[in-house]
Amino acid sequence: MTRSEIFQLIERERNRQSELFGSEWDANNRPNDWIAKVVHYIGETIQKSSPMDRDEFEKSFIKAAAVIVAALEYSDHMVEKKYLSTNSDI
């Protein structure tokens, strides 16, 4: 799978997530809420038997990546709410 294909899958998943009921509440999430969501999707792969199924592995990581994108989309909002500081550079 190419990087371009991966990004397309992440974007498709992000669009799907944003259309889900309750996504309008995403603006209320704090950093720890976003982290918990990412850990949930990554944790799905850990719970599977060994060896892990490639499709399930990729699906969980794409979901987690889309949640990370959502968190980044809301980072300005979290700064405004003072949930995040702006003291460091990336």
Protein backbone atom coordinates (compact mmCIF):
# COMPACT_ATOMS: atom_id res chain seq x y z
CA MET A 1 0.00 0.00 0.00
CA THR A 2 1.41 3.38 -0.97
CA ARG A 3 1.52 6.44 1.25
CA SER A 4 -1.00 8.14 -1.03
CA GLU A 5 -3.40 5.20 -0.64
CA ILE A 6 -2.95 5.27 3.13
CA PHE A 7 -3.72 9.00 3.28
CA GLN A 8 -6.82 8.43 1.15
CA LEU A 9 -8.03 5.72 3.53
CA ILE A 10 -7.41 7.99 6.53
CA GLU A 11 -9.29 10.86 4.87
CA ARG A 12 -12.20 8.56 4.00
CA GLU A 13 -12.33 7.31 7.59
CA ARG A 14 -12.12 10.87 8.95
CA ASN A 15 -15.06 11.88 6.75
CA ARG A 16 -17.02 8.86 7.98
CA GLN A 17 -16.27 9.71 11.60
CA SER A 18 -17.32 13.33 11.17
CA GLU A 19 -20.72 12.19 9.89
CA LEU A 20 -21.39 9.98 12.92
CA PHE A 21 -24.02 10.96 15.46
CA GLY A 22 -22.34 12.82 18.31
CA SER A 23 -19.44 14.17 16.29
CA GLU A 24 -20.82 17.64 16.93
CA TRP A 25 -19.57 17.20 20.49
CA ASP A 26 -15.96 16.73 19.39
CA ALA A 27 -15.29 20.40 20.13
CA ASN A 28 -15.80 19.60 23.83
CA ASN A 29 -13.02 17.01 23.88
CA ARG A 30 -9.93 17.67 25.92
CA PRO A 31 -6.50 16.30 24.99
CA ASN A 32 -6.96 13.24 27.21
CA ASP A 33 -10.27 12.44 25.49
CA TRP A 34 -8.53 12.35 22.12
CA ILE A 35 -5.71 10.22 23.52
CA ALA A 36 -8.24 7.77 24.99
CA LYS A 37 -9.95 7.40 21.60
CA VAL A 38 -6.64 6.70 19.86
CA VAL A 39 -5.65 4.17 22.53
CA HIS A 40 -9.05 2.48 22.12
CA TYR A 41 -8.51 1.86 18.42
CA ILE A 42 -4.88 0.78 18.86
CA GLY A 43 -5.99 -1.46 21.72
CA GLU A 44 -8.40 -3.24 19.38
CA THR A 45 -5.44 -4.76 17.58
CA ILE A 46 -3.78 -5.87 20.81
CA GLN A 47 -6.88 -7.82 21.85
CA LYS A 48 -6.83 -9.91 18.69
CA SER A 49 -5.20 -13.31 18.60
CA SER A 50 -1.67 -13.80 17.36
CA PRO A 51 -0.79 -13.57 14.57
CA MET A 52 -2.86 -10.49 13.97
CA ASP A 53 -5.04 -10.29 10.89
CA ARG A 54 -3.59 -7.72 8.49
CA ASP A 55 -6.99 -6.25 7.57
CA GLU A 56 -7.97 -5.78 11.23
CA PHE A 57 -4.54 -4.31 12.02
CA GLU A 58 -4.78 -1.78 9.18
CA LYS A 59 -8.42 -0.94 9.94
CA SER A 60 -7.64 -0.15 13.59
CA PHE A 61 -4.63 1.97 12.72
CA ILE A 62 -6.52 3.89 10.04
CA LYS A 63 -9.29 4.63 12.56
CA ALA A 64 -6.69 5.80 15.09
CA ALA A 65 -4.99 7.97 12.46
CA ALA A 66 -8.32 9.58 11.57
CA VAL A 67 -8.93 10.36 15.25
CA ILE A 68 -5.48 11.95 15.41
CA VAL A 69 -6.41 14.10 12.42
CA ALA A 70 -9.61 15.14 14.21
CA ALA A 71 -7.65 16.07 17.33
CA LEU A 72 -5.33 18.20 15.25
CA GLU A 73 -8.32 19.85 13.56
CA TYR A 74 -9.59 20.86 17.01
CA SER A 75 -6.22 21.90 18.47
CA ASP A 76 -6.88 25.63 17.94
CA HIS A 77 -10.16 25.23 19.77
CA MET A 78 -8.41 23.44 22.64
CA VAL A 79 -5.92 26.32 22.88
CA GLU A 80 -8.82 28.82 23.01
CA LYS A 81 -10.43 26.78 25.81
CA LYS A 82 -7.03 26.66 27.55
CA TYR A 83 -6.96 22.86 27.34
CA LEU A 84 -3.64 23.21 25.49
CA SER A 85 -0.82 25.70 25.95
CA THR A 86 1.29 27.15 23.16
CA ASN A 87 4.64 27.16 24.96
CA SER A 88 6.51 24.74 22.73
CA ASP A 89 7.37 24.51 19.07
CA ILE A 90 6.99 21.41 16.94
